[in-house]
């Protein structure tokens, strides 16, 4: 393995991106740990006004990804649940790393990049969520400075622990 490179994922890497998503979601310990992508989401995955997308590369191989959901309409349900209607809010999501690359700090670095981008874009809060039984994701969010707010059902019946961080 060479030194990992972190950068914006480009359209030319769409095939690798779809393979990464398929591989990670196809090998989840429990499928309910990740709210599946709808086809319309995949069609706009490179739209920076929807969710800027960063990746970790081992050479030319895409091994991890993270999105920063910035489109308010998509986040309104979560904004309402958290009572953040008077603030500019974005969400850390789409966090996936190939199984053989886990435990190397990739997700931490990608989320740090996304959080810095949120600051640059003038957001007041960053939110994120994880299934209550997904201990790895919950601990990672807490280590990154997000505070647990509540457990609730969101996005058409998905149980999630909701976190937020004031920027």
C-alpha atoms as a PDB file:
ATOM      1  CA  UNK A   1       0.000   0.000   0.000  1.00  0.00           C
ATOM      2  CA  UNK A   2       1.246   3.440  -0.912  1.00  0.00           C
ATOM      3  CA  UNK A   3       0.583   6.587   1.074  1.00  0.00           C
ATOM      4  CA  UNK A   4      -3.109   7.399   0.886  1.00  0.00           C
ATOM      5  CA  UNK A   5      -4.259  10.447  -1.056  1.00  0.00           C
ATOM      6  CA  UNK A   6      -7.361  12.379   0.021  1.00  0.00           C
ATOM      7  CA  UNK A   7      -9.183  14.465  -2.557  1.00  0.00           C
ATOM      8  CA  UNK A   8     -12.472  15.268  -4.208  1.00  0.00           C
ATOM      9  CA  UNK A   9     -13.871  12.284  -6.113  1.00  0.00           C
ATOM     10  CA  UNK A  10     -14.191  13.099  -9.793  1.00  0.00           C
ATOM     11  CA  UNK A  11     -16.784  11.922 -12.307  1.00  0.00           C
ATOM     12  CA  UNK A  12     -14.095   9.853 -14.059  1.00  0.00           C
ATOM     13  CA  UNK A  13     -14.055   7.622 -10.957  1.00  0.00           C
ATOM     14  CA  UNK A  14     -17.797   6.897 -11.043  1.00  0.00           C
ATOM     15  CA  UNK A  15     -17.292   3.190 -11.776  1.00  0.00           C
ATOM     16  CA  UNK A  16     -14.941   2.829  -8.802  1.00  0.00           C
ATOM     17  CA  UNK A  17     -17.354   4.818  -6.630  1.00  0.00           C
ATOM     18  CA  UNK A  18     -20.282   2.548  -7.497  1.00  0.00           C
ATOM     19  CA  UNK A  19     -18.093  -0.520  -6.883  1.00  0.00           C
ATOM     20  CA  UNK A  20     -17.030   0.856  -3.487  1.00  0.00           C
ATOM     21  CA  UNK A  21     -20.662   1.463  -2.513  1.00  0.00           C
ATOM     22  CA  UNK A  22     -21.716  -1.991  -3.723  1.00  0.00           C
ATOM     23  CA  UNK A  23     -18.828  -3.765  -1.980  1.00  0.00           C
ATOM     24  CA  UNK A  24     -19.238  -2.038   1.369  1.00  0.00           C
ATOM     25  CA  UNK A  25     -23.032  -2.205   1.487  1.00  0.00           C
ATOM     26  CA  UNK A  26     -22.979  -5.812   0.283  1.00  0.00           C
ATOM     27  CA  UNK A  27     -20.701  -6.811   3.162  1.00  0.00           C
ATOM     28  CA  UNK A  28     -22.310  -4.986   6.075  1.00  0.00           C
ATOM     29  CA  UNK A  29     -22.579  -6.920   9.316  1.00  0.00           C
ATOM     30  CA  UNK A  30     -26.182  -5.722   9.469  1.00  0.00           C
ATOM     31  CA  UNK A  31     -27.817  -4.061   6.432  1.00  0.00           C
ATOM     32  CA  UNK A  32     -29.844  -1.678   8.619  1.00  0.00           C
ATOM     33  CA  UNK A  33     -26.595   0.030   9.656  1.00  0.00           C
ATOM     34  CA  UNK A  34     -26.703   2.052   6.402  1.00  0.00           C
ATOM     35  CA  UNK A  35     -29.706   3.771   4.857  1.00  0.00           C
ATOM     36  CA  UNK A  36     -29.487   2.529   1.259  1.00  0.00           C
ATOM     37  CA  UNK A  37     -28.914   4.917  -1.606  1.00  0.00           C
ATOM     38  CA  UNK A  38     -31.881   5.587  -3.846  1.00  0.00           C
ATOM     39  CA  UNK A  39     -31.106   5.686  -7.581  1.00  0.00           C
ATOM     40  CA  UNK A  40     -31.891   9.434  -7.694  1.00  0.00           C
ATOM     41  CA  UNK A  41     -29.189   9.990  -5.051  1.00  0.00           C
ATOM     42  CA  UNK A  42     -26.624   8.121  -7.122  1.00  0.00           C
ATOM     43  CA  UNK A  43     -27.587  10.142 -10.175  1.00  0.00           C
ATOM     44  CA  UNK A  44     -26.704  13.399  -8.393  1.00  0.00           C
ATOM     45  CA  UNK A  45     -23.792  12.107  -6.330  1.00  0.00           C
ATOM     46  CA  UNK A  46     -21.334  14.436  -8.118  1.00  0.00           C
ATOM     47  CA  UNK A  47     -23.524  17.532  -7.599  1.00  0.00           C
ATOM     48  CA  UNK A  48     -21.616  19.761  -5.157  1.00  0.00           C
ATOM     49  CA  UNK A  49     -24.839  21.667  -4.385  1.00  0.00           C
ATOM     50  CA  UNK A  50     -26.283  18.400  -3.078  1.00  0.00           C
ATOM     51  CA  UNK A  51     -23.360  16.716  -1.329  1.00  0.00           C
ATOM     52  CA  UNK A  52     -19.669  17.444  -1.920  1.00  0.00           C
ATOM     53  CA  UNK A  53     -17.849  14.128  -2.149  1.00  0.00           C
ATOM     54  CA  UNK A  54     -14.326  13.289  -0.987  1.00  0.00           C
ATOM     55  CA  UNK A  55     -12.398  10.064  -1.239  1.00  0.00           C
ATOM     56  CA  UNK A  56      -9.331   8.246  -0.033  1.00  0.00           C
ATOM     57  CA  UNK A  57      -7.156   6.688  -2.716  1.00  0.00           C
ATOM     58  CA  UNK A  58      -4.477   4.019  -2.487  1.00  0.00           C
ATOM     59  CA  UNK A  59      -2.657   4.962  -5.667  1.00  0.00           C
ATOM     60  CA  UNK A  60      -5.460   5.116  -8.234  1.00  0.00           C
ATOM     61  CA  UNK A  61      -7.767   2.835  -6.226  1.00  0.00           C
ATOM     62  CA  UNK A  62     -10.709   4.478  -4.417  1.00  0.00           C
ATOM     63  CA  UNK A  63     -10.820   2.887  -0.944  1.00  0.00           C
ATOM     64  CA  UNK A  64     -13.090   5.233   1.043  1.00  0.00           C
ATOM     65  CA  UNK A  65     -15.632   8.011   0.619  1.00  0.00           C
ATOM     66  CA  UNK A  66     -17.533  10.612   2.611  1.00  0.00           C
ATOM     67  CA  UNK A  67     -20.238  13.088   1.649  1.00  0.00           C
ATOM     68  CA  UNK A  68     -21.302  16.391   3.144  1.00  0.00           C
ATOM     69  CA  UNK A  69     -25.023  16.764   2.518  1.00  0.00           C
ATOM     70  CA  UNK A  70     -25.662  20.483   2.083  1.00  0.00           C
ATOM     71  CA  UNK A  71     -29.075  20.644   0.408  1.00  0.00           C
ATOM     72  CA  UNK A  72     -31.467  21.922   3.076  1.00  0.00           C
ATOM     73  CA  UNK A  73     -34.569  20.335   1.560  1.00  0.00           C
ATOM     74  CA  UNK A  74     -32.997  16.906   1.978  1.00  0.00           C
ATOM     75  CA  UNK A  75     -32.108  17.615   5.614  1.00  0.00           C
ATOM     76  CA  UNK A  76     -35.339  19.280   6.730  1.00  0.00           C
ATOM     77  CA  UNK A  77     -36.629  16.202   8.595  1.00  0.00           C
ATOM     78  CA  UNK A  78     -33.465  16.121  10.723  1.00  0.00           C
ATOM     79  CA  UNK A  79     -33.412  19.887  11.216  1.00  0.00           C
ATOM     80  CA  UNK A  80     -36.978  19.682  12.543  1.00  0.00           C
ATOM     81  CA  UNK A  81     -36.134  16.758  14.877  1.00  0.00           C
ATOM     82  CA  UNK A  82     -33.196  18.726  16.308  1.00  0.00           C
ATOM     83  CA  UNK A  83     -34.960  22.091  16.473  1.00  0.00           C
ATOM     84  CA  UNK A  84     -32.303  23.768  14.301  1.00  0.00           C
ATOM     85  CA  UNK A  85     -34.633  25.629  11.913  1.00  0.00           C
ATOM     86  CA  UNK A  86     -32.920  28.970  12.558  1.00  0.00           C
ATOM     87  CA  UNK A  87     -29.475  27.652  11.579  1.00  0.00           C
ATOM     88  CA  UNK A  88     -27.535  26.614   8.497  1.00  0.00           C
ATOM     89  CA  UNK A  89     -27.145  22.834   8.877  1.00  0.00           C
ATOM     90  CA  UNK A  90     -25.298  20.151   6.901  1.00  0.00           C
ATOM     91  CA  UNK A  91     -24.887  16.426   7.442  1.00  0.00           C
ATOM     92  CA  UNK A  92     -21.865  14.133   7.454  1.00  0.00           C
ATOM     93  CA  UNK A  93     -22.944  11.002   5.616  1.00  0.00           C
ATOM     94  CA  UNK A  94     -22.168   8.464   2.959  1.00  0.00           C
ATOM     95  CA  UNK A  95     -19.185   7.320   5.010  1.00  0.00           C
ATOM     96  CA  UNK A  96     -17.826   4.104   3.522  1.00  0.00           C
ATOM     97  CA  UNK A  97     -14.421   2.393   3.627  1.00  0.00           C
ATOM     98  CA  UNK A  98     -13.482  -0.912   2.016  1.00  0.00           C
ATOM     99  CA  UNK A  99     -13.258  -3.643   4.688  1.00  0.00           C
ATOM    100  CA  UNK A 100      -9.550  -4.299   4.122  1.00  0.00           C
ATOM    101  CA  UNK A 101      -8.766  -0.598   4.725  1.00  0.00           C
ATOM    102  CA  UNK A 102     -10.667  -0.145   7.999  1.00  0.00           C
ATOM    103  CA  UNK A 103      -8.871   0.759  11.201  1.00  0.00           C
ATOM    104  CA  UNK A 104      -6.376   2.992   9.385  1.00  0.00           C
ATOM    105  CA  UNK A 105      -7.919   6.377  10.247  1.00  0.00           C
ATOM    106  CA  UNK A 106      -9.372   6.881   6.765  1.00  0.00           C
ATOM    107  CA  UNK A 107     -12.859   7.776   7.922  1.00  0.00           C
ATOM    108  CA  UNK A 108     -11.508  10.151  10.559  1.00  0.00           C
ATOM    109  CA  UNK A 109      -9.468  12.021   7.937  1.00  0.00           C
ATOM    110  CA  UNK A 110     -12.397  12.181   5.481  1.00  0.00           C
ATOM    111  CA  UNK A 111     -14.789  13.457   8.145  1.00  0.00           C
ATOM    112  CA  UNK A 112     -12.236  16.050   9.264  1.00  0.00           C
ATOM    113  CA  UNK A 113     -12.038  17.233   5.634  1.00  0.00           C
ATOM    114  CA  UNK A 114     -15.828  17.428   5.391  1.00  0.00           C
ATOM    115  CA  UNK A 115     -16.100  19.281   8.709  1.00  0.00           C
ATOM    116  CA  UNK A 116     -13.527  21.834   7.546  1.00  0.00           C
ATOM    117  CA  UNK A 117     -15.477  22.247   4.305  1.00  0.00           C
ATOM    118  CA  UNK A 118     -18.654  22.842   6.353  1.00  0.00           C
ATOM    119  CA  UNK A 119     -16.864  25.641   8.221  1.00  0.00           C
ATOM    120  CA  UNK A 120     -15.620  27.176   4.955  1.00  0.00           C
ATOM    121  CA  UNK A 121     -19.169  27.089   3.557  1.00  0.00           C
ATOM    122  CA  UNK A 122     -20.504  28.941   6.608  1.00  0.00           C
ATOM    123  CA  UNK A 123     -22.591  26.217   8.236  1.00  0.00           C
ATOM    124  CA  UNK A 124     -23.611  26.668  11.886  1.00  0.00           C
ATOM    125  CA  UNK A 125     -24.087  22.979  12.694  1.00  0.00           C
ATOM    126  CA  UNK A 126     -22.984  19.664  11.323  1.00  0.00           C
ATOM    127  CA  UNK A 127     -25.160  16.675  12.111  1.00  0.00           C
ATOM    128  CA  UNK A 128     -24.720  12.966  11.613  1.00  0.00           C
ATOM    129  CA  UNK A 129     -26.438   9.745  12.527  1.00  0.00           C
ATOM    130  CA  UNK A 130     -25.747   6.084  13.142  1.00  0.00           C
ATOM    131  CA  UNK A 131     -27.788   3.008  13.942  1.00  0.00           C
ATOM    132  CA  UNK A 132     -27.864   2.593  17.767  1.00  0.00           C
ATOM    133  CA  UNK A 133     -26.245  -0.866  17.523  1.00  0.00           C
ATOM    134  CA  UNK A 134     -23.427   0.332  15.237  1.00  0.00           C
ATOM    135  CA  UNK A 135     -20.933   0.902  18.036  1.00  0.00           C
ATOM    136  CA  UNK A 136     -18.027   1.677  15.708  1.00  0.00           C
ATOM    137  CA  UNK A 137     -19.841   4.539  13.985  1.00  0.00           C
ATOM    138  CA  UNK A 138     -21.298   5.908  17.219  1.00  0.00           C
ATOM    139  CA  UNK A 139     -17.889   5.954  18.916  1.00  0.00           C
ATOM    140  CA  UNK A 140     -16.267   7.533  15.849  1.00  0.00           C
ATOM    141  CA  UNK A 141     -18.814  10.374  15.808  1.00  0.00           C
ATOM    142  CA  UNK A 142     -18.239  11.047  19.502  1.00  0.00           C
ATOM    143  CA  UNK A 143     -14.443  11.001  19.083  1.00  0.00           C
ATOM    144  CA  UNK A 144     -14.810  13.586  16.317  1.00  0.00           C
ATOM    145  CA  UNK A 145     -16.606  15.953  18.697  1.00  0.00           C
ATOM    146  CA  UNK A 146     -20.233  15.362  17.789  1.00  0.00           C
ATOM    147  CA  UNK A 147     -22.626  15.160  20.721  1.00  0.00           C
ATOM    148  CA  UNK A 148     -25.403  12.601  21.005  1.00  0.00           C
ATOM    149  CA  UNK A 149     -28.818  14.309  20.984  1.00  0.00           C
ATOM    150  CA  UNK A 150     -31.438  11.575  20.720  1.00  0.00           C
ATOM    151  CA  UNK A 151     -32.485   8.268  19.253  1.00  0.00           C
ATOM    152  CA  UNK A 152     -35.378   8.497  16.820  1.00  0.00           C
ATOM    153  CA  UNK A 153     -36.884   6.975  13.711  1.00  0.00           C
ATOM    154  CA  UNK A 154     -36.065   8.913  10.536  1.00  0.00           C
ATOM    155  CA  UNK A 155     -36.000   8.539   6.759  1.00  0.00           C
ATOM    156  CA  UNK A 156     -38.979   6.238   6.354  1.00  0.00           C
ATOM    157  CA  UNK A 157     -38.528   4.087   9.442  1.00  0.00           C
ATOM    158  CA  UNK A 158     -34.779   3.885  10.043  1.00  0.00           C
ATOM    159  CA  UNK A 159     -33.818   3.915  13.734  1.00  0.00           C
ATOM    160  CA  UNK A 160     -30.883   6.275  14.314  1.00  0.00           C
ATOM    161  CA  UNK A 161     -28.848   7.947  17.040  1.00  0.00           C
ATOM    162  CA  UNK A 162     -28.661  11.610  16.022  1.00  0.00           C
ATOM    163  CA  UNK A 163     -25.536  13.688  16.719  1.00  0.00           C
ATOM    164  CA  UNK A 164     -24.718  17.352  16.238  1.00  0.00           C
ATOM    165  CA  UNK A 165     -21.764  19.688  16.553  1.00  0.00           C
ATOM    166  CA  UNK A 166     -21.821  23.481  16.612  1.00  0.00           C
ATOM    167  CA  UNK A 167     -19.173  24.846  14.250  1.00  0.00           C
END
